[in-house]
Amino acid sequence: MRPKAPSTGHVDGAWWPRSRDLAAELPALLATLAVRLGDVLRVNYNLTEWDSAPRRVISGGRQIRLDGFYSRPADTVDVVAANRRRLTLLVVPSNTDPAAAHQTMMLAADRDNDQTVGDLLAAGVSVTAATQDTTNLTRIALAGWEAEGGRIPQQVSRHTS
């Protein structure tokens, strides 16, 4: 989540659920957001992004209304509190690589982020891919160096008696 500040972009933070079961995933998210928002009344979501969901879920002993729309922007949920505060969260797809999900969430939470949802999802994947490419290039370079007669020093443990 972004620090408390005026909204500057398309989303206020990101959420990485572990499945497409909205009713199962929401209670943990809502418990976390209640600290910041107060009592949550409603969650708006895109119907095509989730398995079927009930009209309401119970979280923290309260009924939370779930409103699904086909017209709702994909890869986002809106969480609406009793005090009328609203947070729009980027939903990182549950099957996303953990490193890419982490990177996407960090980008979305940046105070100065003004990227679109699509740009955030693409940026998280591309930064992770670039990091993996660098790691692979390092391994290849070390293997080539070692094959040409170089030697990677090994840790030697010395025992004293």
C-alpha atoms as a PDB file:
ATOM      1  CA  MET A   1       0.000   0.000   0.000  1.00  0.00           C
ATOM      2  CA  ARG A   2       1.060   3.540  -0.625  1.00  0.00           C
ATOM      3  CA  PRO A   3       1.725   5.768   2.340  1.00  0.00           C
ATOM      4  CA  LYS A   4      -1.298   7.869   3.283  1.00  0.00           C
ATOM      5  CA  ALA A   5      -1.188  10.657   0.733  1.00  0.00           C
ATOM      6  CA  PRO A   6      -3.365  12.178  -1.965  1.00  0.00           C
ATOM      7  CA  SER A   7      -3.899   9.766  -4.836  1.00  0.00           C
ATOM      8  CA  THR A   8      -1.569  10.355  -7.779  1.00  0.00           C
ATOM      9  CA  GLY A   9      -2.226   7.405 -10.048  1.00  0.00           C
ATOM     10  CA  HIS A  10      -4.567   4.697 -11.198  1.00  0.00           C
ATOM     11  CA  VAL A  11      -4.179   2.508  -8.085  1.00  0.00           C
ATOM     12  CA  ASP A  12      -3.503   2.993  -4.385  1.00  0.00           C
ATOM     13  CA  GLY A  13      -1.602  -0.249  -3.918  1.00  0.00           C
ATOM     14  CA  ALA A  14      -1.635  -3.880  -4.958  1.00  0.00           C
ATOM     15  CA  TRP A  15      -2.937  -7.225  -3.756  1.00  0.00           C
ATOM     16  CA  TRP A  16      -1.679 -10.681  -4.705  1.00  0.00           C
ATOM     17  CA  PRO A  17      -4.382 -13.238  -3.884  1.00  0.00           C
ATOM     18  CA  ARG A  18      -3.363 -16.892  -4.008  1.00  0.00           C
ATOM     19  CA  SER A  19      -6.462 -18.073  -5.914  1.00  0.00           C
ATOM     20  CA  ARG A  20      -9.429 -16.874  -7.993  1.00  0.00           C
ATOM     21  CA  ASP A  21     -11.816 -17.581  -5.094  1.00  0.00           C
ATOM     22  CA  LEU A  22     -12.781 -14.046  -4.057  1.00  0.00           C
ATOM     23  CA  ALA A  23     -14.811 -15.121  -1.015  1.00  0.00           C
ATOM     24  CA  ALA A  24     -11.873 -17.124   0.360  1.00  0.00           C
ATOM     25  CA  GLU A  25      -9.240 -14.466  -0.373  1.00  0.00           C
ATOM     26  CA  LEU A  26     -11.025 -11.310   0.810  1.00  0.00           C
ATOM     27  CA  PRO A  27     -11.228 -11.787   4.608  1.00  0.00           C
ATOM     28  CA  ALA A  28      -7.452 -11.518   5.115  1.00  0.00           C
ATOM     29  CA  LEU A  29      -7.243  -8.466   2.830  1.00  0.00           C
ATOM     30  CA  LEU A  30     -10.193  -6.756   4.510  1.00  0.00           C
ATOM     31  CA  ALA A  31      -8.773  -7.360   7.990  1.00  0.00           C
ATOM     32  CA  THR A  32      -5.561  -5.651   6.901  1.00  0.00           C
ATOM     33  CA  LEU A  33      -7.340  -2.747   5.205  1.00  0.00           C
ATOM     34  CA  ALA A  34      -9.697  -2.153   8.149  1.00  0.00           C
ATOM     35  CA  VAL A  35      -6.744  -0.719  10.091  1.00  0.00           C
ATOM     36  CA  ARG A  36      -6.371   1.981   7.448  1.00  0.00           C
ATOM     37  CA  LEU A  37      -9.932   2.451   6.212  1.00  0.00           C
ATOM     38  CA  GLY A  38     -12.107   1.597   9.180  1.00  0.00           C
ATOM     39  CA  ASP A  39     -15.223  -0.475   8.574  1.00  0.00           C
ATOM     40  CA  VAL A  40     -15.349  -1.776   5.010  1.00  0.00           C
ATOM     41  CA  LEU A  41     -18.824  -1.874   3.465  1.00  0.00           C
ATOM     42  CA  ARG A  42     -18.312  -2.985  -0.118  1.00  0.00           C
ATOM     43  CA  VAL A  43     -15.897  -4.501  -2.603  1.00  0.00           C
ATOM     44  CA  ASN A  44     -16.365  -3.878  -6.337  1.00  0.00           C
ATOM     45  CA  TYR A  45     -14.702  -6.356  -8.702  1.00  0.00           C
ATOM     46  CA  ASN A  46     -14.639  -7.525 -12.321  1.00  0.00           C
ATOM     47  CA  LEU A  47     -16.835 -10.607 -12.784  1.00  0.00           C
ATOM     48  CA  THR A  48     -14.544 -12.195 -15.379  1.00  0.00           C
ATOM     49  CA  GLU A  49     -11.484 -12.111 -13.106  1.00  0.00           C
ATOM     50  CA  TRP A  50     -12.870 -14.336 -10.349  1.00  0.00           C
ATOM     51  CA  ASP A  51     -14.638 -17.645  -9.893  1.00  0.00           C
ATOM     52  CA  SER A  52     -18.262 -17.166  -8.883  1.00  0.00           C
ATOM     53  CA  ALA A  53     -18.620 -15.212  -5.651  1.00  0.00           C
ATOM     54  CA  PRO A  54     -21.487 -14.773  -3.205  1.00  0.00           C
ATOM     55  CA  ARG A  55     -23.201 -11.403  -2.832  1.00  0.00           C
ATOM     56  CA  ARG A  56     -21.740 -10.989   0.672  1.00  0.00           C
ATOM     57  CA  VAL A  57     -18.859 -12.250   2.795  1.00  0.00           C
ATOM     58  CA  ILE A  58     -18.317 -12.045   6.528  1.00  0.00           C
ATOM     59  CA  SER A  59     -15.128 -10.327   7.655  1.00  0.00           C
ATOM     60  CA  GLY A  60     -14.404  -9.243  11.210  1.00  0.00           C
ATOM     61  CA  GLY A  61     -17.966 -10.126  12.193  1.00  0.00           C
ATOM     62  CA  ARG A  62     -19.417  -7.751   9.580  1.00  0.00           C
ATOM     63  CA  GLN A  63     -21.193  -8.448   6.315  1.00  0.00           C
ATOM     64  CA  ILE A  64     -19.333  -6.997   3.344  1.00  0.00           C
ATOM     65  CA  ARG A  65     -21.241  -6.552   0.102  1.00  0.00           C
ATOM     66  CA  LEU A  66     -19.578  -7.868  -3.068  1.00  0.00           C
ATOM     67  CA  ASP A  67     -20.563  -6.097  -6.275  1.00  0.00           C
ATOM     68  CA  GLY A  68     -19.374  -7.717  -9.482  1.00  0.00           C
ATOM     69  CA  PHE A  69     -19.487  -5.902 -12.802  1.00  0.00           C
ATOM     70  CA  TYR A  70     -18.477  -6.865 -16.321  1.00  0.00           C
ATOM     71  CA  SER A  71     -17.655  -3.208 -16.984  1.00  0.00           C
ATOM     72  CA  ARG A  72     -15.313  -2.915 -13.986  1.00  0.00           C
ATOM     73  CA  PRO A  73     -11.654  -2.435 -14.999  1.00  0.00           C
ATOM     74  CA  ALA A  74      -9.836  -5.765 -15.123  1.00  0.00           C
ATOM     75  CA  ASP A  75      -7.106  -6.524 -12.593  1.00  0.00           C
ATOM     76  CA  THR A  76      -8.497  -4.132  -9.959  1.00  0.00           C
ATOM     77  CA  VAL A  77     -10.811  -4.130  -6.966  1.00  0.00           C
ATOM     78  CA  ASP A  78     -12.310  -1.132  -5.200  1.00  0.00           C
ATOM     79  CA  VAL A  79     -12.665  -1.347  -1.436  1.00  0.00           C
ATOM     80  CA  VAL A  80     -15.202   1.137  -0.057  1.00  0.00           C
ATOM     81  CA  ALA A  81     -15.368   2.035   3.639  1.00  0.00           C
ATOM     82  CA  ALA A  82     -18.248   3.323   5.767  1.00  0.00           C
ATOM     83  CA  ASN A  83     -16.540   6.738   5.897  1.00  0.00           C
ATOM     84  CA  ARG A  84     -16.743   6.809   2.056  1.00  0.00           C
ATOM     85  CA  ARG A  85     -13.000   6.357   1.634  1.00  0.00           C
ATOM     86  CA  ARG A  86     -12.177   4.208  -1.343  1.00  0.00           C
ATOM     87  CA  LEU A  87      -9.019   2.344  -2.280  1.00  0.00           C
ATOM     88  CA  THR A  88      -8.407   0.963  -5.742  1.00  0.00           C
ATOM     89  CA  LEU A  89      -6.045  -1.984  -5.645  1.00  0.00           C
ATOM     90  CA  LEU A  90      -4.221  -3.606  -8.526  1.00  0.00           C
ATOM     91  CA  VAL A  91      -4.907  -7.351  -8.420  1.00  0.00           C
ATOM     92  CA  VAL A  92      -1.766  -9.271  -9.334  1.00  0.00           C
ATOM     93  CA  PRO A  93      -2.921 -12.536 -10.969  1.00  0.00           C
ATOM     94  CA  SER A  94      -2.609 -15.492  -8.604  1.00  0.00           C
ATOM     95  CA  ASN A  95      -0.423 -17.471 -11.030  1.00  0.00           C
ATOM     96  CA  THR A  96       2.225 -14.716 -11.270  1.00  0.00           C
ATOM     97  CA  ASP A  97       5.846 -15.615 -10.557  1.00  0.00           C
ATOM     98  CA  PRO A  98       6.639 -14.576  -6.945  1.00  0.00           C
ATOM     99  CA  ALA A  99       9.506 -12.266  -7.936  1.00  0.00           C
ATOM    100  CA  ALA A 100       7.363 -10.534 -10.574  1.00  0.00           C
ATOM    101  CA  ALA A 101       4.452 -10.241  -8.122  1.00  0.00           C
ATOM    102  CA  HIS A 102       6.712  -8.656  -5.513  1.00  0.00           C
ATOM    103  CA  GLN A 103       8.136  -6.200  -8.030  1.00  0.00           C
ATOM    104  CA  THR A 104       4.671  -5.266  -9.298  1.00  0.00           C
ATOM    105  CA  MET A 105       3.417  -4.693  -5.758  1.00  0.00           C
ATOM    106  CA  MET A 106       6.406  -2.501  -4.912  1.00  0.00           C
ATOM    107  CA  LEU A 107       5.864  -0.403  -8.052  1.00  0.00           C
ATOM    108  CA  ALA A 108       2.143  -0.004  -7.323  1.00  0.00           C
ATOM    109  CA  ALA A 109       2.850   1.090  -3.735  1.00  0.00           C
ATOM    110  CA  ASP A 110       5.356   3.771  -4.727  1.00  0.00           C
ATOM    111  CA  ARG A 111       4.142   7.208  -3.626  1.00  0.00           C
ATOM    112  CA  ASP A 112       4.948   8.713  -7.052  1.00  0.00           C
ATOM    113  CA  ASN A 113       3.473   5.890  -9.128  1.00  0.00           C
ATOM    114  CA  ASP A 114       1.194   7.113 -11.891  1.00  0.00           C
ATOM    115  CA  GLN A 115       1.360   4.057 -14.168  1.00  0.00           C
ATOM    116  CA  THR A 116      -1.720   2.362 -15.558  1.00  0.00           C
ATOM    117  CA  VAL A 117      -2.723  -1.104 -14.385  1.00  0.00           C
ATOM    118  CA  GLY A 118      -1.413  -2.683 -17.601  1.00  0.00           C
ATOM    119  CA  ASP A 119       1.882  -0.804 -17.359  1.00  0.00           C
ATOM    120  CA  LEU A 120       2.371  -1.916 -13.742  1.00  0.00           C
ATOM    121  CA  LEU A 121       1.755  -5.570 -14.563  1.00  0.00           C
ATOM    122  CA  ALA A 122       4.113  -5.407 -17.555  1.00  0.00           C
ATOM    123  CA  ALA A 123       6.797  -3.509 -15.616  1.00  0.00           C
ATOM    124  CA  GLY A 124       6.852  -6.063 -12.794  1.00  0.00           C
ATOM    125  CA  VAL A 125       7.360  -8.898 -15.259  1.00  0.00           C
ATOM    126  CA  SER A 126       9.998  -7.075 -17.336  1.00  0.00           C
ATOM    127  CA  VAL A 127      12.084  -5.984 -14.319  1.00  0.00           C
ATOM    128  CA  THR A 128      12.019  -9.546 -12.990  1.00  0.00           C
ATOM    129  CA  ALA A 129      12.948 -10.961 -16.405  1.00  0.00           C
ATOM    130  CA  ALA A 130      15.870  -8.519 -16.683  1.00  0.00           C
ATOM    131  CA  THR A 131      17.123  -9.552 -13.231  1.00  0.00           C
ATOM    132  CA  GLN A 132      16.868 -13.233 -14.169  1.00  0.00           C
ATOM    133  CA  ASP A 133      18.683 -12.554 -17.471  1.00  0.00           C
ATOM    134  CA  THR A 134      21.528 -10.829 -15.591  1.00  0.00           C
ATOM    135  CA  THR A 135      21.790 -13.756 -13.178  1.00  0.00           C
ATOM    136  CA  ASN A 136      21.857 -16.242 -16.073  1.00  0.00           C
ATOM    137  CA  LEU A 137      24.514 -14.194 -17.923  1.00  0.00           C
ATOM    138  CA  THR A 138      26.673 -14.164 -14.791  1.00  0.00           C
ATOM    139  CA  ARG A 139      26.394 -17.958 -14.474  1.00  0.00           C
ATOM    140  CA  ILE A 140      27.252 -18.415 -18.165  1.00  0.00           C
ATOM    141  CA  ALA A 141      30.249 -16.070 -17.906  1.00  0.00           C
ATOM    142  CA  LEU A 142      31.579 -17.867 -14.817  1.00  0.00           C
ATOM    143  CA  ALA A 143      31.131 -21.273 -16.461  1.00  0.00           C
ATOM    144  CA  GLY A 144      33.008 -20.080 -19.578  1.00  0.00           C
ATOM    145  CA  TRP A 145      35.788 -18.566 -17.502  1.00  0.00           C
ATOM    146  CA  GLU A 146      36.163 -21.773 -15.498  1.00  0.00           C
ATOM    147  CA  ALA A 147      36.154 -23.890 -18.709  1.00  0.00           C
ATOM    148  CA  GLU A 148      38.996 -21.757 -20.096  1.00  0.00           C
ATOM    149  CA  GLY A 149      41.231 -22.475 -17.128  1.00  0.00           C
ATOM    150  CA  GLY A 150      39.947 -20.013 -14.575  1.00  0.00           C
ATOM    151  CA  ARG A 151      39.059 -21.326 -11.170  1.00  0.00           C
ATOM    152  CA  ILE A 152      36.365 -20.182  -8.781  1.00  0.00           C
ATOM    153  CA  PRO A 153      37.885 -20.205  -5.290  1.00  0.00           C
ATOM    154  CA  GLN A 154      36.246 -22.632  -2.913  1.00  0.00           C
ATOM    155  CA  GLN A 155      35.813 -21.941   0.770  1.00  0.00           C
ATOM    156  CA  VAL A 156      38.334 -24.009   2.686  1.00  0.00           C
ATOM    157  CA  SER A 157      37.423 -24.901   6.218  1.00  0.00           C
ATOM    158  CA  ARG A 158      40.363 -25.233   8.524  1.00  0.00           C
ATOM    159  CA  HIS A 159      40.133 -27.303  11.613  1.00  0.00           C
ATOM    160  CA  THR A 160      42.459 -26.617  14.476  1.00  0.00           C
ATOM    161  CA  SER A 161      43.234 -29.185  17.064  1.00  0.00           C
END
